[in-house]
Structure formats: structure tokens, C-alpha cells
Amino acid sequence: IKNTKINFIGFRKVTYFLSILLVLNGLFSVWKVATGRANMGLDFTGGTSLQLQFSKDITVEHLRNVMSDAGFKSANIQQVAPASANTFLIRVGSQELKTEEASSGITDLIRKETGDQGIKVLEQNDIGGTVSQQLKSKAFQAVFWACIGILVYIWIRFKFKFAVVATLATAHDVLAVLGFMVILNKEIDLLMITALLTVAGYSLTDTVVVFDRIRENMRNILKNTFEEIVNKAINDVLARTLMTSITTLLVAVSLFVFGGNVLHTFSLAIIMGVCVGTYSSDLLAAPLIVDWENWEKKNKALNK
């Protein structure tokens, strides 16, 4: 891809409208997560997670009926690939657990109800309510301090307005991905927080590359308007941006297809994050810099 002359800044009214929708949906998702109305994982709600391997053939529907009849109507049950392994992941939230119940009690109940005494426990985790609240608090703190760190880093390396715009673009990407995950009713757990922080890092890197070329063009191109300088900067790094995004997507899609049940949601979040991060660097962060620069020039002209 050489000598492209795409007017990225010219699309800013459309992209601003789209980004406002993404941010509003993201903020609504944050509220749902904070109030526990989203599909929260055991990391944040407390409960029991079991991975069981059955010696007899059993279907997900049969296992769901067994758990529902036993009083665990909201139990999350997933079959772990391959199906021939007869392995299932069972999650039961703390709201359905009695104080004396634990992983072993649920396993014994399943053995009794299914008549399969050869069930093997491959993995089990019990998370208490106090721990889950601490994990939720730490997760929000991690995302918040990551954004603050981005603000300080870009402020030192570039200018204050670049720092603010980069932080806004990064927060936009995190909110957009979280919004998509909540809409799709994906489980919000610590692995999802890891994915969101990964998206923040990717988004920042892509934005810094564009900003670096803008700064370089500002030094070397004096005749063009600021909007033309920014457009040229985006076109200059377009090949690099697309190649980086495509190669990253190849890895993320491979994890999504072949990574198994555990990495499915994580890799989906990364895929969405790469797409949104690429979009925001060229079609949100750069136009915001242009509009900020134009606003400063108007203010200076009015004050003279």
C-alpha cells in the first residue's frame, strides 16, 4: 500500500456519532457490571467451578436437567471439546450454594443422580464472597490506573492534548469491547479484564505510531494545513497499521478457533479490540487532535 490519499479526517462526523454510541453502550455495560446485572463470572460473584469427566456418555441437556432438579437452576454448564471426552465445565454461583455445600458435595450429587460412579474431578475451584468483591474492586482499579498511566506517558512524550486524546481513545476502545461482550452475554471474569488491559495496550501502541508521524510531519511540512498534515500522517503509516492489525488478528482468530473453551471469550475480546483499536487510532484520535487544534486557533484569533 503506497501513496494513498484517503481523507480520513473527512469522515469524522460519522465516526464521532458511531463512537458516541459505542461509549454510551460501554458506560451502560460498566453500570451493569458494577451492579452485578451482567453475566458475572465466579471471580466476581463467588461460587464453585468444576470440570468433570464422565465415564458414561451424557448430554448437556441431561446434565442441565439434573442440576435444575437439584435446585441449581442457574448453573452454567458447557461441554469441553472434544465431545468424545465426556468432559463438562460446571459453574454454580454463590447465591445458589448452601453454606455446607462445596465442590465435593455437588460432585457426589451428580454421581448419585446420573448413576455414574466413575466421574473424575479434573479441576475444582471454590471462591468466597469476600474474595470475589476484592477481585472486582481490584479489576476496576487496574483499568483506571492503566488509563492514568497512559495519560502521563503520552503527556511526557508528546503534548498534553495528545495525552488527553490518546487516553480518551484508549478508554473508548475498552468501553466498546466491554459493551460488545455484555451484549453477547459473555462471562465477565478476570480473564476478560486481562483482555481489556491487552486491548488498552494495543490501542495505545497504534495511536502512538500515528501521533509520532503527525509530530514528524509538523516539523518537516510547513506549507500544508494541520488537517492535511494529519491526513498525510495517517496515510504514511497505513500500511504498517494494516499489517500489524492483520497479523495480530491471525493470532487472535487462531486462539478463537483452536484455543478451546477457556480462551474462547478472551480471544473474541482481543479480535474486537484489534478492530476497534485500529479504527479509533485513524478515525477518532486523529480527528480529535485536528478539532482541538482548530479550536485553539479560533480562540487565539478571537483574543487578538
C-alpha atoms as a PDB file:
ATOM      1  CA  ILE A   1       0.000   0.000   0.000  1.00  0.00           C
ATOM      2  CA  LYS A   2       1.766   3.122  -1.245  1.00  0.00           C
ATOM      3  CA  ASN A   3       0.940   6.794  -1.828  1.00  0.00           C
ATOM      4  CA  THR A   4      -2.627   6.603  -0.531  1.00  0.00           C
ATOM      5  CA  LYS A   5      -4.510   9.888  -0.201  1.00  0.00           C
ATOM      6  CA  ILE A   6      -7.583   8.913   1.808  1.00  0.00           C
ATOM      7  CA  ASN A   7      -9.305  11.813   3.571  1.00  0.00           C
ATOM      8  CA  PHE A   8      -9.678  10.142   6.998  1.00  0.00           C
ATOM      9  CA  ILE A   9     -10.467  13.440   8.735  1.00  0.00           C
ATOM     10  CA  GLY A  10     -13.386  13.991   6.370  1.00  0.00           C
ATOM     11  CA  PHE A  11     -15.229  11.033   7.922  1.00  0.00           C
ATOM     12  CA  ARG A  12     -15.117  12.465  11.440  1.00  0.00           C
ATOM     13  CA  LYS A  13     -18.804  13.390  11.764  1.00  0.00           C
ATOM     14  CA  VAL A  14     -19.813   9.809  11.030  1.00  0.00           C
ATOM     15  CA  THR A  15     -17.126   8.318  13.278  1.00  0.00           C
ATOM     16  CA  TYR A  16     -17.948  10.709  16.142  1.00  0.00           C
ATOM     17  CA  PHE A  17     -21.589   9.591  16.013  1.00  0.00           C
ATOM     18  CA  LEU A  18     -20.586   5.913  15.927  1.00  0.00           C
ATOM     19  CA  SER A  19     -18.112   6.381  18.783  1.00  0.00           C
ATOM     20  CA  ILE A  20     -20.707   8.163  20.946  1.00  0.00           C
ATOM     21  CA  LEU A  21     -22.991   5.127  20.540  1.00  0.00           C
ATOM     22  CA  LEU A  22     -20.142   2.764  21.451  1.00  0.00           C
ATOM     23  CA  VAL A  23     -19.202   4.793  24.535  1.00  0.00           C
ATOM     24  CA  LEU A  24     -22.810   5.085  25.748  1.00  0.00           C
ATOM     25  CA  ASN A  25     -23.264   1.335  25.384  1.00  0.00           C
ATOM     26  CA  GLY A  26     -19.932   0.811  27.160  1.00  0.00           C
ATOM     27  CA  LEU A  27     -20.914   3.068  30.080  1.00  0.00           C
ATOM     28  CA  PHE A  28     -24.229   1.218  30.374  1.00  0.00           C
ATOM     29  CA  SER A  29     -22.249  -2.049  30.447  1.00  0.00           C
ATOM     30  CA  VAL A  30     -19.978  -0.686  33.190  1.00  0.00           C
ATOM     31  CA  TRP A  31     -23.097   0.064  35.232  1.00  0.00           C
ATOM     32  CA  LYS A  32     -24.388  -3.466  34.642  1.00  0.00           C
ATOM     33  CA  VAL A  33     -21.045  -4.947  35.692  1.00  0.00           C
ATOM     34  CA  ALA A  34     -20.777  -2.710  38.767  1.00  0.00           C
ATOM     35  CA  THR A  35     -24.289  -3.649  39.909  1.00  0.00           C
ATOM     36  CA  GLY A  36     -23.911  -7.345  39.098  1.00  0.00           C
ATOM     37  CA  ARG A  37     -26.558  -7.290  36.340  1.00  0.00           C
ATOM     38  CA  ALA A  38     -24.162  -8.597  33.672  1.00  0.00           C
ATOM     39  CA  ASN A  39     -23.135 -12.234  33.239  1.00  0.00           C
ATOM     40  CA  MET A  40     -20.576 -12.121  36.018  1.00  0.00           C
ATOM     41  CA  GLY A  41     -18.035 -14.923  36.396  1.00  0.00           C
ATOM     42  CA  LEU A  42     -17.300 -16.723  39.636  1.00  0.00           C
ATOM     43  CA  ASP A  43     -14.245 -14.489  40.113  1.00  0.00           C
ATOM     44  CA  PHE A  44     -16.630 -11.613  40.867  1.00  0.00           C
ATOM     45  CA  THR A  45     -19.673 -13.365  42.335  1.00  0.00           C
ATOM     46  CA  GLY A  46     -18.167 -16.225  44.314  1.00  0.00           C
ATOM     47  CA  GLY A  47     -19.208 -19.851  43.918  1.00  0.00           C
ATOM     48  CA  THR A  48     -17.898 -23.174  42.683  1.00  0.00           C
ATOM     49  CA  SER A  49     -16.362 -24.202  39.372  1.00  0.00           C
ATOM     50  CA  LEU A  50     -15.963 -27.889  38.470  1.00  0.00           C
ATOM     51  CA  GLN A  51     -14.518 -29.660  35.458  1.00  0.00           C
ATOM     52  CA  LEU A  52     -15.812 -33.236  35.452  1.00  0.00           C
ATOM     53  CA  GLN A  53     -15.067 -36.164  33.171  1.00  0.00           C
ATOM     54  CA  PHE A  54     -17.832 -38.760  32.953  1.00  0.00           C
ATOM     55  CA  SER A  55     -17.197 -42.459  32.374  1.00  0.00           C
ATOM     56  CA  LYS A  56     -20.569 -42.783  30.606  1.00  0.00           C
ATOM     57  CA  ASP A  57     -21.990 -40.807  27.702  1.00  0.00           C
ATOM     58  CA  ILE A  58     -24.121 -37.859  28.838  1.00  0.00           C
ATOM     59  CA  THR A  59     -25.560 -34.796  27.105  1.00  0.00           C
ATOM     60  CA  VAL A  60     -25.515 -31.173  28.201  1.00  0.00           C
ATOM     61  CA  GLU A  61     -29.326 -31.183  28.315  1.00  0.00           C
ATOM     62  CA  HIS A  62     -29.413 -34.198  30.645  1.00  0.00           C
ATOM     63  CA  LEU A  63     -26.820 -32.640  32.941  1.00  0.00           C
ATOM     64  CA  ARG A  64     -28.743 -29.335  32.986  1.00  0.00           C
ATOM     65  CA  ASN A  65     -31.912 -31.200  33.983  1.00  0.00           C
ATOM     66  CA  VAL A  66     -30.036 -32.986  36.781  1.00  0.00           C
ATOM     67  CA  MET A  67     -28.663 -29.696  38.125  1.00  0.00           C
ATOM     68  CA  SER A  68     -32.026 -27.934  37.787  1.00  0.00           C
ATOM     69  CA  ASP A  69     -33.872 -30.708  39.647  1.00  0.00           C
ATOM     70  CA  ALA A  70     -31.274 -30.444  42.419  1.00  0.00           C
ATOM     71  CA  GLY A  71     -32.036 -26.720  42.839  1.00  0.00           C
ATOM     72  CA  PHE A  72     -29.183 -25.269  40.733  1.00  0.00           C
ATOM     73  CA  LYS A  73     -31.391 -23.675  38.084  1.00  0.00           C
ATOM     74  CA  SER A  74     -28.854 -21.004  37.098  1.00  0.00           C
ATOM     75  CA  ALA A  75     -25.882 -23.363  36.854  1.00  0.00           C
ATOM     76  CA  ASN A  76     -23.698 -22.684  33.814  1.00  0.00           C
ATOM     77  CA  ILE A  77     -22.827 -25.941  32.020  1.00  0.00           C
ATOM     78  CA  GLN A  78     -20.541 -26.214  28.992  1.00  0.00           C
ATOM     79  CA  GLN A  79     -19.104 -29.209  27.212  1.00  0.00           C
ATOM     80  CA  VAL A  80     -15.338 -29.114  26.801  1.00  0.00           C
ATOM     81  CA  ALA A  81     -14.032 -30.162  23.373  1.00  0.00           C
ATOM     82  CA  PRO A  82     -13.699 -32.818  22.127  1.00  0.00           C
ATOM     83  CA  ALA A  83     -17.208 -34.175  22.782  1.00  0.00           C
ATOM     84  CA  SER A  84     -15.884 -37.754  22.885  1.00  0.00           C
ATOM     85  CA  ALA A  85     -14.007 -36.908  26.113  1.00  0.00           C
ATOM     86  CA  ASN A  86     -17.316 -36.530  28.009  1.00  0.00           C
ATOM     87  CA  THR A  87     -15.859 -33.568  29.912  1.00  0.00           C
ATOM     88  CA  PHE A  88     -18.034 -30.740  31.207  1.00  0.00           C
ATOM     89  CA  LEU A  89     -17.397 -27.399  32.903  1.00  0.00           C
ATOM     90  CA  ILE A  90     -19.987 -26.652  35.611  1.00  0.00           C
ATOM     91  CA  ARG A  91     -20.234 -23.284  37.374  1.00  0.00           C
ATOM     92  CA  VAL A  92     -22.571 -22.647  40.292  1.00  0.00           C
ATOM     93  CA  GLY A  93     -22.903 -19.127  41.743  1.00  0.00           C
ATOM     94  CA  SER A  94     -22.708 -18.448  45.464  1.00  0.00           C
ATOM     95  CA  GLN A  95     -26.370 -17.357  45.545  1.00  0.00           C
ATOM     96  CA  GLU A  96     -27.422 -20.967  44.875  1.00  0.00           C
ATOM     97  CA  LEU A  97     -24.944 -22.614  47.229  1.00  0.00           C
ATOM     98  CA  LYS A  98     -25.853 -23.539  50.759  1.00  0.00           C
ATOM     99  CA  THR A  99     -23.251 -22.838  53.424  1.00  0.00           C
ATOM    100  CA  GLU A 100     -22.356 -26.517  53.826  1.00  0.00           C
ATOM    101  CA  GLU A 101     -22.102 -27.198  50.111  1.00  0.00           C
ATOM    102  CA  ALA A 102     -18.800 -27.269  48.276  1.00  0.00           C
ATOM    103  CA  SER A 103     -17.321 -28.809  45.127  1.00  0.00           C
ATOM    104  CA  SER A 104     -17.250 -32.307  46.637  1.00  0.00           C
ATOM    105  CA  GLY A 105     -20.929 -32.095  47.618  1.00  0.00           C
ATOM    106  CA  ILE A 106     -22.013 -31.135  44.108  1.00  0.00           C
ATOM    107  CA  THR A 107     -19.892 -33.911  42.599  1.00  0.00           C
ATOM    108  CA  ASP A 108     -21.435 -36.505  44.922  1.00  0.00           C
ATOM    109  CA  LEU A 109     -24.899 -35.254  43.999  1.00  0.00           C
ATOM    110  CA  ILE A 110     -24.162 -35.584  40.265  1.00  0.00           C
ATOM    111  CA  ARG A 111     -22.763 -39.092  40.792  1.00  0.00           C
ATOM    112  CA  LYS A 112     -25.942 -40.098  42.600  1.00  0.00           C
ATOM    113  CA  GLU A 113     -28.384 -38.534  40.120  1.00  0.00           C
ATOM    114  CA  THR A 114     -26.624 -39.767  36.961  1.00  0.00           C
ATOM    115  CA  GLY A 115     -25.671 -43.161  38.325  1.00  0.00           C
ATOM    116  CA  ASP A 116     -22.109 -42.624  37.107  1.00  0.00           C
ATOM    117  CA  GLN A 117     -19.725 -43.545  39.919  1.00  0.00           C
ATOM    118  CA  GLY A 118     -16.707 -43.236  37.627  1.00  0.00           C
ATOM    119  CA  ILE A 119     -16.826 -39.438  37.415  1.00  0.00           C
ATOM    120  CA  LYS A 120     -13.360 -37.848  37.685  1.00  0.00           C
ATOM    121  CA  VAL A 121     -12.797 -34.333  39.025  1.00  0.00           C
ATOM    122  CA  LEU A 122     -10.243 -32.752  36.671  1.00  0.00           C
ATOM    123  CA  GLU A 123     -10.363 -29.278  38.235  1.00  0.00           C
ATOM    124  CA  GLN A 124     -12.238 -27.546  41.031  1.00  0.00           C
ATOM    125  CA  ASN A 125     -12.279 -24.001  42.397  1.00  0.00           C
ATOM    126  CA  ASP A 126     -14.201 -22.505  45.298  1.00  0.00           C
ATOM    127  CA  ILE A 127     -14.315 -18.701  45.580  1.00  0.00           C
ATOM    128  CA  GLY A 128     -15.841 -16.970  48.607  1.00  0.00           C
ATOM    129  CA  GLY A 129     -17.914 -13.782  48.526  1.00  0.00           C
ATOM    130  CA  THR A 130     -15.267 -11.646  50.268  1.00  0.00           C
ATOM    131  CA  VAL A 131     -12.585 -12.661  47.768  1.00  0.00           C
ATOM    132  CA  SER A 132     -14.901 -12.024  44.803  1.00  0.00           C
ATOM    133  CA  GLN A 133     -15.659  -8.461  45.983  1.00  0.00           C
ATOM    134  CA  GLN A 134     -11.940  -7.775  46.389  1.00  0.00           C
ATOM    135  CA  LEU A 135     -11.272  -9.102  42.888  1.00  0.00           C
ATOM    136  CA  LYS A 136     -13.998  -6.863  41.414  1.00  0.00           C
ATOM    137  CA  SER A 137     -12.558  -3.816  43.187  1.00  0.00           C
ATOM    138  CA  LYS A 138      -9.007  -4.606  42.048  1.00  0.00           C
ATOM    139  CA  ALA A 139     -10.198  -5.158  38.456  1.00  0.00           C
ATOM    140  CA  PHE A 140     -11.761  -1.681  38.258  1.00  0.00           C
ATOM    141  CA  GLN A 141      -8.625  -0.187  39.828  1.00  0.00           C
ATOM    142  CA  ALA A 142      -6.405  -1.942  37.272  1.00  0.00           C
ATOM    143  CA  VAL A 143      -8.303  -0.461  34.312  1.00  0.00           C
ATOM    144  CA  PHE A 144      -8.458   3.015  35.936  1.00  0.00           C
ATOM    145  CA  TRP A 145      -4.730   3.205  36.757  1.00  0.00           C
ATOM    146  CA  ALA A 146      -3.843   1.865  33.302  1.00  0.00           C
ATOM    147  CA  CYS A 147      -5.664   4.856  31.751  1.00  0.00           C
ATOM    148  CA  ILE A 148      -3.926   7.264  34.153  1.00  0.00           C
ATOM    149  CA  GLY A 149      -0.552   5.734  33.255  1.00  0.00           C
ATOM    150  CA  ILE A 150      -1.321   6.211  29.555  1.00  0.00           C
ATOM    151  CA  LEU A 151      -2.205   9.874  30.171  1.00  0.00           C
ATOM    152  CA  VAL A 152       1.085  10.559  31.976  1.00  0.00           C
ATOM    153  CA  TYR A 153       3.201   8.636  29.428  1.00  0.00           C
ATOM    154  CA  ILE A 154       1.802  10.444  26.369  1.00  0.00           C
ATOM    155  CA  TRP A 155       1.947  13.804  28.194  1.00  0.00           C
ATOM    156  CA  ILE A 156       5.687  13.333  28.761  1.00  0.00           C
ATOM    157  CA  ARG A 157       6.391  12.036  25.276  1.00  0.00           C
ATOM    158  CA  PHE A 158       4.163  14.435  23.293  1.00  0.00           C
ATOM    159  CA  LYS A 159       1.897  17.295  24.419  1.00  0.00           C
ATOM    160  CA  PHE A 160      -0.949  17.474  26.905  1.00  0.00           C
ATOM    161  CA  LYS A 161      -3.665  17.479  24.240  1.00  0.00           C
ATOM    162  CA  PHE A 162      -2.137  14.386  22.628  1.00  0.00           C
ATOM    163  CA  ALA A 163      -2.170  12.710  26.055  1.00  0.00           C
ATOM    164  CA  VAL A 164      -5.830  13.522  26.661  1.00  0.00           C
ATOM    165  CA  VAL A 165      -6.882  12.348  23.187  1.00  0.00           C
ATOM    166  CA  ALA A 166      -4.855   9.107  23.462  1.00  0.00           C
ATOM    167  CA  THR A 167      -6.405   8.371  26.853  1.00  0.00           C
ATOM    168  CA  LEU A 168      -9.908   9.078  25.525  1.00  0.00           C
ATOM    169  CA  ALA A 169      -9.303   6.814  22.510  1.00  0.00           C
ATOM    170  CA  THR A 170      -7.995   4.023  24.746  1.00  0.00           C
ATOM    171  CA  ALA A 171     -10.931   4.348  27.157  1.00  0.00           C
ATOM    172  CA  HIS A 172     -13.254   4.366  24.119  1.00  0.00           C
ATOM    173  CA  ASP A 173     -11.796   1.053  22.923  1.00  0.00           C
ATOM    174  CA  VAL A 174     -12.052  -0.592  26.352  1.00  0.00           C
ATOM    175  CA  LEU A 175     -15.670   0.571  26.749  1.00  0.00           C
ATOM    176  CA  ALA A 176     -16.554  -0.557  23.215  1.00  0.00           C
ATOM    177  CA  VAL A 177     -15.191  -4.077  23.750  1.00  0.00           C
ATOM    178  CA  LEU A 178     -16.839  -4.375  27.167  1.00  0.00           C
ATOM    179  CA  GLY A 179     -20.123  -3.233  25.614  1.00  0.00           C
ATOM    180  CA  PHE A 180     -19.898  -5.877  22.909  1.00  0.00           C
ATOM    181  CA  MET A 181     -19.138  -8.578  25.490  1.00  0.00           C
ATOM    182  CA  VAL A 182     -22.119  -7.616  27.656  1.00  0.00           C
ATOM    183  CA  ILE A 183     -24.441  -7.514  24.620  1.00  0.00           C
ATOM    184  CA  LEU A 184     -23.272 -11.016  23.669  1.00  0.00           C
ATOM    185  CA  ASN A 185     -23.834 -12.087  27.310  1.00  0.00           C
ATOM    186  CA  LYS A 186     -20.246 -13.270  27.642  1.00  0.00           C
ATOM    187  CA  GLU A 187     -18.967 -14.036  31.118  1.00  0.00           C
ATOM    188  CA  ILE A 188     -17.131 -11.149  32.778  1.00  0.00           C
ATOM    189  CA  ASP A 189     -14.244 -12.599  34.787  1.00  0.00           C
ATOM    190  CA  LEU A 190     -10.567 -11.927  35.464  1.00  0.00           C
ATOM    191  CA  LEU A 191      -9.605 -13.283  32.038  1.00  0.00           C
ATOM    192  CA  MET A 192     -11.922 -10.678  30.490  1.00  0.00           C
ATOM    193  CA  ILE A 193     -10.163  -7.937  32.488  1.00  0.00           C
ATOM    194  CA  THR A 194      -6.862  -9.276  31.140  1.00  0.00           C
ATOM    195  CA  ALA A 195      -8.274  -8.998  27.615  1.00  0.00           C
ATOM    196  CA  LEU A 196      -9.418  -5.405  28.222  1.00  0.00           C
ATOM    197  CA  LEU A 197      -5.981  -4.378  29.501  1.00  0.00           C
ATOM    198  CA  THR A 198      -4.406  -6.079  26.474  1.00  0.00           C
ATOM    199  CA  VAL A 199      -6.756  -4.099  24.208  1.00  0.00           C
ATOM    200  CA  ALA A 200      -5.725  -0.889  26.017  1.00  0.00           C
ATOM    201  CA  GLY A 201      -2.052  -1.644  25.371  1.00  0.00           C
ATOM    202  CA  TYR A 202      -2.653  -2.464  21.703  1.00  0.00           C
ATOM    203  CA  SER A 203      -4.784   0.644  21.171  1.00  0.00           C
ATOM    204  CA  LEU A 204      -2.155   2.876  22.786  1.00  0.00           C
ATOM    205  CA  THR A 205       0.651   1.460  20.638  1.00  0.00           C
ATOM    206  CA  ASP A 206      -1.311   2.025  17.440  1.00  0.00           C
ATOM    207  CA  THR A 207      -2.249   5.578  18.451  1.00  0.00           C
ATOM    208  CA  VAL A 208       1.340   6.462  19.393  1.00  0.00           C
ATOM    209  CA  VAL A 209       2.560   5.406  15.927  1.00  0.00           C
ATOM    210  CA  VAL A 210       0.072   7.799  14.278  1.00  0.00           C
ATOM    211  CA  PHE A 211       0.895  10.614  16.725  1.00  0.00           C
ATOM    212  CA  ASP A 212       4.620  10.141  16.171  1.00  0.00           C
ATOM    213  CA  ARG A 213       4.201  10.578  12.413  1.00  0.00           C
ATOM    214  CA  ILE A 214       1.990  13.650  12.976  1.00  0.00           C
ATOM    215  CA  ARG A 215       4.728  15.215  15.116  1.00  0.00           C
ATOM    216  CA  GLU A 216       7.359  14.384  12.489  1.00  0.00           C
ATOM    217  CA  ASN A 217       5.251  15.911   9.693  1.00  0.00           C
ATOM    218  CA  MET A 218       4.636  19.050  11.773  1.00  0.00           C
ATOM    219  CA  ARG A 219       8.413  19.594  11.835  1.00  0.00           C
ATOM    220  CA  ASN A 220       9.058  18.836   8.170  1.00  0.00           C
ATOM    221  CA  ILE A 221       5.929  20.093   6.370  1.00  0.00           C
ATOM    222  CA  LEU A 222       5.309  23.788   6.938  1.00  0.00           C
ATOM    223  CA  LYS A 223       3.148  24.788   3.965  1.00  0.00           C
ATOM    224  CA  ASN A 224       0.182  22.433   4.493  1.00  0.00           C
ATOM    225  CA  THR A 225      -2.723  22.985   6.867  1.00  0.00           C
ATOM    226  CA  PHE A 226      -2.794  20.974  10.096  1.00  0.00           C
ATOM    227  CA  GLU A 227      -5.636  18.815   8.748  1.00  0.00           C
ATOM    228  CA  GLU A 228      -3.571  17.966   5.653  1.00  0.00           C
ATOM    229  CA  ILE A 229      -0.557  17.145   7.843  1.00  0.00           C
ATOM    230  CA  VAL A 230      -2.632  14.734   9.962  1.00  0.00           C
ATOM    231  CA  ASN A 231      -4.220  13.099   6.905  1.00  0.00           C
ATOM    232  CA  LYS A 232      -0.775  12.589   5.367  1.00  0.00           C
ATOM    233  CA  ALA A 233       0.495  11.087   8.633  1.00  0.00           C
ATOM    234  CA  ILE A 234      -2.326   8.508   8.739  1.00  0.00           C
ATOM    235  CA  ASN A 235      -1.763   7.598   5.082  1.00  0.00           C
ATOM    236  CA  ASP A 236       2.004   7.344   5.656  1.00  0.00           C
ATOM    237  CA  VAL A 237       1.580   4.674   8.368  1.00  0.00           C
ATOM    238  CA  LEU A 238      -1.489   2.998   6.836  1.00  0.00           C
ATOM    239  CA  ALA A 239       0.467   0.013   5.509  1.00  0.00           C
ATOM    240  CA  ARG A 240       2.129  -0.514   8.897  1.00  0.00           C
ATOM    241  CA  THR A 241      -1.239  -0.170  10.686  1.00  0.00           C
ATOM    242  CA  LEU A 242      -2.984  -2.702   8.459  1.00  0.00           C
ATOM    243  CA  MET A 243      -0.127  -5.235   8.543  1.00  0.00           C
ATOM    244  CA  THR A 244       0.098  -5.039  12.332  1.00  0.00           C
ATOM    245  CA  SER A 245      -3.669  -5.432  12.710  1.00  0.00           C
ATOM    246  CA  ILE A 246      -3.914  -8.317  10.239  1.00  0.00           C
ATOM    247  CA  THR A 247      -1.036 -10.301  11.772  1.00  0.00           C
ATOM    248  CA  THR A 248      -2.418  -9.745  15.278  1.00  0.00           C
ATOM    249  CA  LEU A 249      -5.864 -10.838  14.098  1.00  0.00           C
ATOM    250  CA  LEU A 250      -4.394 -14.034  12.634  1.00  0.00           C
ATOM    251  CA  VAL A 251      -3.109 -14.991  16.080  1.00  0.00           C
ATOM    252  CA  ALA A 252      -6.330 -13.974  17.843  1.00  0.00           C
ATOM    253  CA  VAL A 253      -8.536 -15.844  15.352  1.00  0.00           C
ATOM    254  CA  SER A 254      -6.332 -18.929  15.734  1.00  0.00           C
ATOM    255  CA  LEU A 255      -6.845 -18.774  19.511  1.00  0.00           C
ATOM    256  CA  PHE A 256     -10.582 -18.330  18.966  1.00  0.00           C
ATOM    257  CA  VAL A 257     -10.855 -21.360  16.661  1.00  0.00           C
ATOM    258  CA  PHE A 258      -8.318 -23.725  18.225  1.00  0.00           C
ATOM    259  CA  GLY A 259      -7.784 -22.395  21.761  1.00  0.00           C
ATOM    260  CA  GLY A 260     -10.626 -24.314  23.367  1.00  0.00           C
ATOM    261  CA  ASN A 261     -13.428 -23.214  25.657  1.00  0.00           C
ATOM    262  CA  VAL A 262     -11.240 -21.445  28.216  1.00  0.00           C
ATOM    263  CA  LEU A 263      -9.732 -18.996  25.692  1.00  0.00           C
ATOM    264  CA  HIS A 264     -12.868 -18.520  23.577  1.00  0.00           C
ATOM    265  CA  THR A 265     -14.171 -15.329  25.230  1.00  0.00           C
ATOM    266  CA  PHE A 266     -10.659 -13.930  25.762  1.00  0.00           C
ATOM    267  CA  SER A 267      -9.706 -14.307  22.096  1.00  0.00           C
ATOM    268  CA  LEU A 268     -13.067 -12.877  20.950  1.00  0.00           C
ATOM    269  CA  ALA A 269     -12.418  -9.768  23.064  1.00  0.00           C
ATOM    270  CA  ILE A 270      -8.938  -9.428  21.532  1.00  0.00           C
ATOM    271  CA  ILE A 271     -10.377  -9.720  17.996  1.00  0.00           C
ATOM    272  CA  MET A 272     -12.896  -6.981  18.704  1.00  0.00           C
ATOM    273  CA  GLY A 273     -10.235  -4.891  20.458  1.00  0.00           C
ATOM    274  CA  VAL A 274      -7.851  -5.008  17.491  1.00  0.00           C
ATOM    275  CA  CYS A 275     -10.627  -3.912  15.107  1.00  0.00           C
ATOM    276  CA  VAL A 276     -11.849  -1.107  17.383  1.00  0.00           C
ATOM    277  CA  GLY A 277      -8.284  -0.030  18.254  1.00  0.00           C
ATOM    278  CA  THR A 278      -7.326   0.283  14.591  1.00  0.00           C
ATOM    279  CA  TYR A 279     -10.497   2.256  13.885  1.00  0.00           C
ATOM    280  CA  SER A 280     -10.027   4.643  16.821  1.00  0.00           C
ATOM    281  CA  SER A 281      -6.389   5.477  16.039  1.00  0.00           C
ATOM    282  CA  ASP A 282      -7.142   6.647  12.488  1.00  0.00           C
ATOM    283  CA  LEU A 283     -10.767   7.748  12.650  1.00  0.00           C
ATOM    284  CA  LEU A 284     -11.207   9.034  16.217  1.00  0.00           C
ATOM    285  CA  ALA A 285      -7.916  10.074  17.864  1.00  0.00           C
ATOM    286  CA  ALA A 286      -6.507  11.869  14.812  1.00  0.00           C
ATOM    287  CA  PRO A 287      -9.721  13.839  14.044  1.00  0.00           C
ATOM    288  CA  LEU A 288      -9.977  14.854  17.722  1.00  0.00           C
ATOM    289  CA  ILE A 289      -6.454  16.312  17.531  1.00  0.00           C
ATOM    290  CA  VAL A 290      -7.441  18.258  14.411  1.00  0.00           C
ATOM    291  CA  ASP A 291     -10.591  19.674  16.012  1.00  0.00           C
ATOM    292  CA  TRP A 292      -8.698  20.579  19.190  1.00  0.00           C
ATOM    293  CA  GLU A 293      -6.020  22.370  17.151  1.00  0.00           C
ATOM    294  CA  ASN A 294      -8.680  24.257  15.155  1.00  0.00           C
ATOM    295  CA  TRP A 295     -10.447  25.256  18.377  1.00  0.00           C
ATOM    296  CA  GLU A 296      -7.187  26.636  19.821  1.00  0.00           C
ATOM    297  CA  LYS A 297      -6.532  28.656  16.656  1.00  0.00           C
ATOM    298  CA  LYS A 298     -10.036  30.164  16.748  1.00  0.00           C
ATOM    299  CA  ASN A 299      -9.593  31.123  20.395  1.00  0.00           C
ATOM    300  CA  LYS A 300      -6.236  32.797  19.686  1.00  0.00           C
ATOM    301  CA  ALA A 301      -7.759  34.702  16.750  1.00  0.00           C
ATOM    302  CA  LEU A 302     -10.675  35.917  18.895  1.00  0.00           C
ATOM    303  CA  ASN A 303      -8.377  37.032  21.715  1.00  0.00           C
ATOM    304  CA  LYS A 304      -6.187  39.191  19.470  1.00  0.00           C
END
